[in-house]
Amino acid sequence: MKQVRMGIIGFGVQGGSYAGFISQGKVEGMVLGGICDIDPEKKEKAAKEYPEVPFFEDYMDMIGSGAVDCVITTVPHYLHPVIGMAAIEHGMPVIIEKPAGVYTKQVKQLIACSQAHPDVPFAIMFNQRTNPLYIEVKKIMDSGELGELRRTNWIINNWWRSTNYYRQSAWRATWGAEGGGVLVNQAPHQLDLIQWICGKPKKVYANCKFGCHRDILVENDVTAILDYGNGATGVFITCTHDFDGTDRFEIDCDGGKIVIENSKRAVVHKFVKTETEIDKNFTMEMSARLYSAEGQAEKYEERIIEYPSAWGGQHCAVMKNFADHLLYGTPIMAPGSDGINGVRLANAMLLSSWLGKEVDYDFDEDLYIEELNKRIKEEGKYPLIEN
């Protein structure tokens, strides 16, 4: 096999983009093997744009057709684990679009299925992991050169969404079909990155606003406090109604600090001594020098990491990596099992806000489904989740 034939399940905005990337030769080692959608209009669209590519109305027909070597799920969020498990059980390598699911119990089933079929490759579309800046920042944190984590602070509210955006599809911004708002649609990449780089929190307290400045029922404004359990804390702020948004991620450690702006520039300060060492030997006589220009120069070493773009290889790089894995055994950069971490953090934030109190990162999963079902019932459009 010299090229991998990718099958796209769901020919909407995202699936259409992937089809374009692959057919235009932007994903080395991959060709478009098939398209699947239940919408007759999508069938007509695919026939016009990709007349030579097989079209399927049922994803199981695609999986068993022999026309594709792997598939990717670009469908509403509740279906990601369902289709993912079907693919894995039938020996079909699969990339799950983010998020891995809407709630953790569902994603656990997907991961258990993957573990029962360890020879079937399984990845998730965490395309922000291809950003070279975040790759470097992760290396710094993993190396321990800045010491123990003290604080994280990420404000990521630069994805303004209009009212018409929410109206473009009936399933958008619904509890029963999308499973939430900004935490399941826009922010999953940051919920992944903050844990990929800094580790998982122990407790979460969040204030979520539902339908803030928009006529929707789901969360579109979130302020959350993270407790890492070792004295370190974090703040995570995201929303979709700030017209002039910000992307600023700060990581404070005992031995230094990283400030990331717009996901493409990082200023790294490595302290000459750790804060713990400075505090142990500090006298009041040292204060004047510390806060003078001369003293500041002795405080830390500075280096700047900067790239012209925040994007990296993005979606094409994830798909190329998956093709390379199938062709040459290259390690998967975003294993599908990692998808549960972002879902867990999003669930914890919503549950905390619904209950009005701090919750454990390993929260009561049945209680989450119970609270989510209350919102689905009030919405009155979709069936409840069977727990």
Protein backbone atom coordinates (compact mmCIF):
# COMPACT_ATOMS: atom_id res chain seq x y z
CA MET A 1 0.00 0.00 0.00
CA LYS A 2 1.54 3.30 -1.16
CA GLN A 3 -1.44 5.52 -0.44
CA VAL A 4 -4.18 5.40 2.16
CA ARG A 5 -7.77 5.71 0.96
CA MET A 6 -9.69 7.92 3.39
CA GLY A 7 -13.44 7.64 3.78
CA ILE A 8 -15.25 10.74 5.05
CA ILE A 9 -18.37 10.12 7.11
CA GLY A 10 -20.42 13.33 7.09
CA PHE A 11 -20.13 15.66 4.09
CA GLY A 12 -20.90 18.97 5.82
CA VAL A 13 -18.62 21.96 6.30
CA GLN A 14 -15.81 20.01 7.98
CA GLY A 15 -16.14 16.89 5.88
CA GLY A 16 -16.22 19.00 2.74
CA SER A 17 -13.03 20.75 3.81
CA TYR A 18 -11.25 17.45 4.40
CA ALA A 19 -12.38 16.14 1.03
CA GLY A 20 -10.93 19.26 -0.55
CA PHE A 21 -7.62 18.97 1.29
CA ILE A 22 -7.18 15.34 0.28
CA SER A 23 -8.30 15.70 -3.34
CA GLN A 24 -6.02 18.72 -3.80
CA GLY A 25 -3.03 16.66 -2.73
CA LYS A 26 -2.49 18.52 0.53
CA VAL A 27 -2.30 15.30 2.56
CA GLU A 28 0.75 13.35 1.44
CA GLY A 29 0.14 9.61 1.31
CA MET A 30 -3.66 9.92 1.30
CA VAL A 31 -6.35 9.89 -1.39
CA LEU A 32 -10.11 10.31 -1.17
CA GLY A 33 -11.61 6.83 -1.14
CA GLY A 34 -15.25 7.47 -0.31
CA ILE A 35 -17.86 9.91 0.98
CA CYS A 36 -20.84 9.07 3.18
CA ASP A 37 -23.87 11.15 4.17
CA ILE A 38 -27.58 10.54 4.76
CA ASP A 39 -28.62 13.86 3.18
CA PRO A 40 -29.74 13.56 -0.50
CA GLU A 41 -28.49 17.10 -1.15
CA LYS A 42 -25.01 16.08 -0.01
CA LYS A 43 -25.17 13.14 -2.41
CA GLU A 44 -25.86 15.52 -5.28
CA LYS A 45 -23.08 17.85 -4.12
CA ALA A 46 -20.58 14.99 -3.92
CA ALA A 47 -21.58 13.74 -7.39
CA LYS A 48 -20.80 17.16 -8.87
CA GLU A 49 -17.55 17.78 -6.99
CA TYR A 50 -16.14 14.23 -6.83
CA PRO A 51 -17.88 12.17 -9.54
CA GLU A 52 -15.23 9.44 -9.44
CA VAL A 53 -15.43 8.93 -5.68
CA PRO A 54 -17.85 6.27 -4.35
CA PHE A 55 -20.76 7.69 -2.32
CA PHE A 56 -22.47 5.82 0.50
CA GLU A 57 -25.67 6.57 2.39
CA ASP A 58 -24.79 4.23 5.26
CA TYR A 59 -21.41 4.36 6.99
CA MET A 60 -21.47 0.62 7.61
CA ASP A 61 -21.72 0.07 3.86
CA MET A 62 -18.64 2.26 3.42
CA ILE A 63 -16.72 0.43 6.15
CA GLY A 64 -17.44 -2.94 4.54
CA SER A 65 -17.07 -1.83 0.94
CA GLY A 66 -13.34 -2.35 0.50
CA ALA A 67 -13.15 1.13 -1.04
CA VAL A 68 -11.50 2.76 1.97
CA ASP A 69 -8.59 1.97 4.28
CA CYS A 70 -9.62 4.31 7.10
CA VAL A 71 -12.42 6.73 7.99
CA ILE A 72 -12.92 10.04 9.75
CA THR A 73 -16.10 11.08 11.57
CA THR A 74 -17.30 14.60 10.71
CA VAL A 75 -20.80 14.28 12.16
CA PRO A 76 -22.72 15.75 15.13
CA HIS A 77 -20.91 15.16 18.41
CA TYR A 78 -23.09 12.43 19.90
CA LEU A 79 -22.30 10.23 16.89
CA HIS A 80 -18.50 10.40 17.18
CA PRO A 81 -18.25 7.50 19.68
CA VAL A 82 -21.05 5.52 18.00
CA ILE A 83 -19.42 5.54 14.57
CA GLY A 84 -15.95 5.23 16.09
CA MET A 85 -16.88 2.02 17.90
CA ALA A 86 -18.53 0.58 14.79
CA ALA A 87 -15.39 1.24 12.77
CA ILE A 88 -13.03 -0.21 15.38
CA GLU A 89 -15.16 -3.34 15.87
CA HIS A 90 -14.95 -3.96 12.13
CA GLY A 91 -11.19 -3.45 12.01
CA MET A 92 -11.36 -0.06 10.32
CA PRO A 93 -8.74 2.54 11.40
CA VAL A 94 -10.52 5.73 12.43
CA ILE A 95 -9.89 9.37 13.25
CA ILE A 96 -12.53 10.85 15.56
CA GLU A 97 -13.32 14.51 15.07
CA LYS A 98 -13.25 16.58 18.26
CA PRO A 99 -14.77 16.31 20.77
CA ALA A 100 -14.45 12.56 21.31
CA GLY A 101 -18.00 12.62 22.63
CA VAL A 102 -20.44 14.68 24.65
CA TYR A 103 -20.07 12.96 28.02
CA THR A 104 -17.36 10.85 29.62
CA LYS A 105 -19.32 7.59 30.01
CA GLN A 106 -19.81 7.56 26.25
CA VAL A 107 -16.12 8.22 25.56
CA LYS A 108 -15.09 5.52 28.06
CA GLN A 109 -17.07 3.00 26.00
CA LEU A 110 -15.21 4.13 22.89
CA ILE A 111 -11.83 3.78 24.62
CA ALA A 112 -12.76 0.35 26.01
CA CYS A 113 -13.68 -0.72 22.48
CA SER A 114 -10.30 0.48 21.22
CA GLN A 115 -8.49 -1.35 24.02
CA ALA A 116 -10.32 -4.54 23.07
CA HIS A 117 -9.03 -4.11 19.50
CA PRO A 118 -5.48 -2.79 20.06
CA ASP A 119 -4.40 -3.52 16.48
CA VAL A 120 -6.93 -1.05 15.02
CA PRO A 121 -5.40 2.46 14.81
CA PHE A 122 -7.49 5.13 16.57
CA ALA A 123 -6.75 8.87 16.60
CA ILE A 124 -8.50 12.15 17.35
CA MET A 125 -8.39 15.39 15.37
CA PHE A 126 -6.44 17.50 17.86
CA ASN A 127 -4.93 19.61 15.11
CA GLN A 128 -3.67 22.27 17.53
CA ARG A 129 -1.06 19.74 18.67
CA THR A 130 0.65 20.36 15.33
CA ASN A 131 1.37 23.98 16.27
CA PRO A 132 5.20 24.08 16.63
CA LEU A 133 4.92 26.67 19.39
CA TYR A 134 2.86 24.41 21.62
CA ILE A 135 5.13 21.49 20.81
CA GLU A 136 8.09 23.52 22.11
CA VAL A 137 6.21 24.73 25.18
CA LYS A 138 5.25 21.16 26.03
CA LYS A 139 8.90 20.11 25.77
CA ILE A 140 9.87 22.88 28.18
CA MET A 141 7.24 21.85 30.71
CA ASP A 142 7.99 18.14 30.35
CA SER A 143 11.71 18.77 30.87
CA GLY A 144 11.09 20.32 34.29
CA GLU A 145 13.52 23.16 33.63
CA LEU A 146 11.06 25.71 35.03
CA GLY A 147 10.25 23.67 38.10
CA GLU A 148 6.90 22.90 39.66
CA LEU A 149 3.73 24.41 38.20
CA ARG A 150 2.32 27.32 40.22
CA ARG A 151 -0.44 28.82 38.02
CA THR A 152 -2.12 28.69 34.60
CA ASN A 153 -4.17 31.49 33.11
CA TRP A 154 -5.70 31.21 29.64
CA ILE A 155 -8.14 33.68 28.14
CA ILE A 156 -9.25 32.42 24.75
CA ASN A 157 -12.24 34.42 23.55
CA ASN A 158 -11.21 35.31 20.01
CA TRP A 159 -13.80 33.22 18.18
CA TRP A 160 -16.76 35.53 17.89
CA ARG A 161 -19.87 33.81 16.51
CA SER A 162 -22.89 35.63 15.06
CA THR A 163 -26.54 34.74 15.55
CA ASN A 164 -26.63 33.47 11.96
CA TYR A 165 -23.79 31.10 12.75
CA TYR A 166 -25.99 29.33 15.28
CA ARG A 167 -28.89 29.25 12.83
CA GLN A 168 -26.99 27.60 9.96
CA SER A 169 -27.80 24.09 11.22
CA ALA A 170 -30.69 22.93 13.38
CA TRP A 171 -28.40 20.84 15.60
CA ARG A 172 -26.05 23.70 16.51
CA ALA A 173 -26.18 25.15 20.01
CA THR A 174 -28.53 22.44 21.31
CA TRP A 175 -28.17 20.16 24.30
CA GLY A 176 -29.77 17.20 22.56
CA ALA A 177 -27.79 17.25 19.30
CA GLU A 178 -24.57 19.21 19.87
CA GLY A 179 -24.28 18.56 23.59
CA GLY A 180 -23.39 22.11 24.58
CA GLY A 181 -21.81 25.27 23.23
CA VAL A 182 -18.35 26.78 23.37
CA LEU A 183 -16.92 23.97 25.54
CA VAL A 184 -17.81 21.25 23.03
CA ASN A 185 -17.42 23.21 19.80
CA GLN A 186 -14.76 25.93 19.93
CA ALA A 187 -12.73 25.27 23.08
CA PRO A 188 -11.98 21.51 22.97
CA HIS A 189 -8.55 22.20 21.49
CA GLN A 190 -7.57 24.46 24.39
CA LEU A 191 -9.10 22.07 26.93
CA ASP A 192 -6.82 19.43 25.42
CA LEU A 193 -3.72 21.63 25.20
CA ILE A 194 -3.86 22.96 28.76
CA GLN A 195 -3.84 19.38 30.07
CA TRP A 196 -1.38 18.10 27.45
CA ILE A 197 1.08 20.80 28.51
CA CYS A 198 0.35 21.41 32.20
CA GLY A 199 -1.39 18.29 33.48
CA LYS A 200 -4.85 17.51 34.78
CA PRO A 201 -6.52 19.45 37.60
CA LYS A 202 -8.02 17.82 40.67
CA LYS A 203 -11.02 20.12 41.15
CA VAL A 204 -13.01 22.56 39.01
CA TYR A 205 -15.25 25.52 39.81
CA ALA A 206 -16.98 27.28 36.92
CA ASN A 207 -19.44 30.05 36.17
CA CYS A 208 -21.06 29.39 32.80
CA LYS A 209 -23.44 31.80 31.11
CA PHE A 210 -26.07 30.23 28.89
CA GLY A 211 -27.28 32.16 25.86
CA CYS A 212 -25.27 35.23 26.85
CA HIS A 213 -26.09 37.95 24.27
CA ARG A 214 -27.42 35.24 21.93
CA ASP A 215 -30.78 33.49 21.64
CA ILE A 216 -29.46 30.02 22.45
CA LEU A 217 -29.76 27.69 25.44
CA VAL A 218 -26.21 26.38 25.70
CA GLU A 219 -23.09 27.89 27.30
CA ASN A 220 -21.28 30.57 25.31
CA ASP A 221 -19.39 32.32 28.14
CA VAL A 222 -17.28 30.42 30.68
CA THR A 223 -15.00 31.42 33.55
CA ALA A 224 -13.49 28.46 35.37
CA ILE A 225 -11.04 28.01 38.24
CA LEU A 226 -8.82 24.93 38.23
CA ASP A 227 -7.21 23.42 41.32
CA TYR A 228 -4.22 21.23 40.50
CA GLY A 229 -4.03 19.82 44.00
CA ASN A 230 -0.44 20.87 44.80
CA GLY A 231 -1.20 24.49 45.61
CA ALA A 232 -1.25 25.45 41.92
CA THR A 233 -4.38 27.01 40.48
CA GLY A 234 -5.60 28.03 37.05
CA VAL A 235 -8.14 30.27 35.38
CA PHE A 236 -9.73 29.42 32.04
CA ILE A 237 -11.91 32.00 30.27
CA THR A 238 -13.66 31.48 26.96
CA CYS A 239 -16.66 32.87 25.11
CA THR A 240 -18.06 33.45 21.61
CA HIS A 241 -19.58 36.93 21.89
CA ASP A 242 -16.50 39.13 22.46
CA PHE A 243 -16.11 40.93 19.14
CA ASP A 244 -12.43 41.80 19.73
CA GLY A 245 -11.12 38.72 21.48
CA THR A 246 -7.86 37.69 23.12
CA ASP A 247 -5.67 34.60 23.08
CA ARG A 248 -3.19 34.79 25.98
CA PHE A 249 -1.89 31.80 27.89
CA GLU A 250 0.35 32.26 30.94
CA ILE A 251 2.13 29.45 32.75
CA ASP A 252 3.82 30.32 36.06
CA CYS A 253 6.27 27.92 37.67
CA ASP A 254 8.62 27.96 40.65
CA GLY A 255 11.59 28.47 38.33
CA GLY A 256 10.16 30.61 35.56
CA LYS A 257 7.25 31.78 33.48
CA ILE A 258 5.90 31.39 29.93
CA VAL A 259 3.59 33.94 28.30
CA ILE A 260 2.03 32.89 25.00
CA GLU A 261 0.27 35.44 22.77
CA ASN A 262 -2.04 34.54 19.90
CA SER A 263 -0.74 30.96 19.87
CA LYS A 264 2.33 31.98 17.85
CA ARG A 265 4.68 33.86 20.17
CA ALA A 266 5.99 32.83 23.58
CA VAL A 267 8.24 34.72 25.97
CA VAL A 268 10.05 32.36 28.32
CA HIS A 269 11.60 33.66 31.54
CA LYS A 270 13.87 31.23 33.37
CA PHE A 271 14.63 32.55 36.82
CA VAL A 272 18.29 32.70 37.87
CA LYS A 273 17.13 30.99 41.06
CA THR A 274 13.78 29.41 41.85
CA GLU A 275 11.24 31.49 43.73
CA THR A 276 11.60 29.03 46.63
CA GLU A 277 15.37 29.65 46.81
CA ILE A 278 14.96 33.42 46.48
CA ASP A 279 12.38 33.53 49.24
CA LYS A 280 14.49 31.38 51.57
CA ASN A 281 17.45 33.77 51.49
CA PHE A 282 15.70 37.08 50.84
CA THR A 283 16.29 40.06 53.11
CA MET A 284 14.58 43.43 53.12
CA GLU A 285 17.86 45.03 52.09
CA MET A 286 17.61 43.18 48.80
CA SER A 287 14.26 44.75 47.89
CA ALA A 288 15.62 48.00 46.49
CA ARG A 289 17.99 46.21 44.17
CA LEU A 290 15.43 43.61 43.10
CA TYR A 291 12.99 46.24 41.84
CA SER A 292 15.62 48.45 40.22
CA ALA A 293 16.53 48.20 36.55
CA GLU A 294 19.87 46.67 37.50
CA GLY A 295 18.24 44.07 39.69
CA GLN A 296 15.71 43.08 37.04
CA ALA A 297 18.54 42.06 34.74
CA GLU A 298 19.67 39.55 37.34
CA LYS A 299 16.19 38.15 37.87
CA TYR A 300 15.82 35.88 34.85
CA GLU A 301 17.10 34.80 31.47
CA GLU A 302 14.71 35.56 28.61
CA ARG A 303 14.19 33.79 25.33
CA ILE A 304 11.51 34.22 22.70
CA ILE A 305 9.88 31.50 20.63
CA GLU A 306 8.03 32.86 17.63
CA TYR A 307 6.47 31.54 14.45
CA PRO A 308 4.86 33.46 11.57
CA SER A 309 1.62 31.52 11.93
CA ALA A 310 -0.36 29.95 14.74
CA TRP A 311 -1.59 27.15 12.55
CA GLY A 312 1.19 24.65 11.97
CA GLY A 313 0.13 21.75 9.77
CA GLN A 314 -3.30 21.59 11.39
CA HIS A 315 -5.85 19.11 9.98
CA CYS A 316 -3.69 18.07 7.04
CA ALA A 317 -0.79 17.26 9.37
CA VAL A 318 -2.99 15.06 11.59
CA MET A 319 -4.26 13.15 8.56
CA LYS A 320 -0.75 12.82 7.12
CA ASN A 321 0.47 11.52 10.47
CA PHE A 322 -2.34 8.94 10.40
CA ALA A 323 -1.41 7.93 6.85
CA ASP A 324 2.23 7.64 7.90
CA HIS A 325 1.17 5.46 10.81
CA LEU A 326 -0.72 3.10 8.52
CA LEU A 327 2.03 3.07 5.88
CA TYR A 328 5.20 3.18 7.96
CA GLY A 329 4.27 2.69 11.62
CA THR A 330 4.90 6.32 12.60
CA PRO A 331 3.55 6.98 16.14
CA ILE A 332 0.13 8.67 16.26
CA MET A 333 0.51 12.27 17.45
CA ALA A 334 -2.97 12.47 18.98
CA PRO A 335 -4.11 9.02 20.21
CA GLY A 336 -7.88 8.69 20.37
CA SER A 337 -7.74 7.75 24.05
CA ASP A 338 -6.50 11.29 24.83
CA GLY A 339 -9.91 12.61 23.78
CA ILE A 340 -11.51 11.85 27.13
CA ASN A 341 -9.47 14.49 28.99
CA GLY A 342 -11.02 17.47 27.25
CA VAL A 343 -14.50 15.97 27.51
CA ARG A 344 -13.99 15.40 31.23
CA LEU A 345 -12.86 18.98 31.82
CA ALA A 346 -15.78 20.39 29.81
CA ASN A 347 -18.23 18.15 31.69
CA ALA A 348 -16.75 19.22 35.03
CA MET A 349 -17.12 22.91 34.14
CA LEU A 350 -20.75 22.50 33.12
CA LEU A 351 -21.62 20.34 36.12
CA SER A 352 -19.99 22.83 38.48
CA SER A 353 -22.00 25.66 37.01
CA TRP A 354 -25.26 23.70 37.06
CA LEU A 355 -24.75 22.73 40.72
CA GLY A 356 -23.26 26.07 41.76
CA LYS A 357 -20.28 24.49 43.52
CA GLU A 358 -16.79 23.10 43.05
CA VAL A 359 -16.66 19.55 41.69
CA ASP A 360 -13.98 16.90 41.49
CA TYR A 361 -12.29 16.42 38.13
CA ASP A 362 -13.39 12.78 38.54
CA PHE A 363 -16.99 13.81 39.08
CA ASP A 364 -20.14 11.69 39.37
CA GLU A 365 -20.73 10.71 35.72
CA ASP A 366 -24.31 9.55 36.32
CA LEU A 367 -25.14 12.89 37.91
CA TYR A 368 -23.76 14.68 34.85
CA ILE A 369 -26.05 12.69 32.54
CA GLU A 370 -28.99 13.38 34.87
CA GLU A 371 -28.34 17.13 34.74
CA LEU A 372 -27.75 17.07 30.98
CA ASN A 373 -31.03 15.21 30.48
CA LYS A 374 -32.84 17.96 32.37
CA ARG A 375 -31.63 20.46 29.74
CA ILE A 376 -32.50 18.13 26.87
CA LYS A 377 -35.99 17.66 28.27
CA GLU A 378 -36.51 21.41 28.64
CA GLU A 379 -35.32 21.86 25.06
CA GLY A 380 -38.04 19.47 23.94
CA LYS A 381 -36.50 18.50 20.58
CA TYR A 382 -34.39 15.41 21.15
CA PRO A 383 -34.60 12.08 23.01
CA LEU A 384 -33.06 11.79 26.44
CA ILE A 385 -29.78 9.96 27.01
CA GLU A 386 -30.22 6.41 28.21
CA ASN A 387 -27.97 5.91 31.21
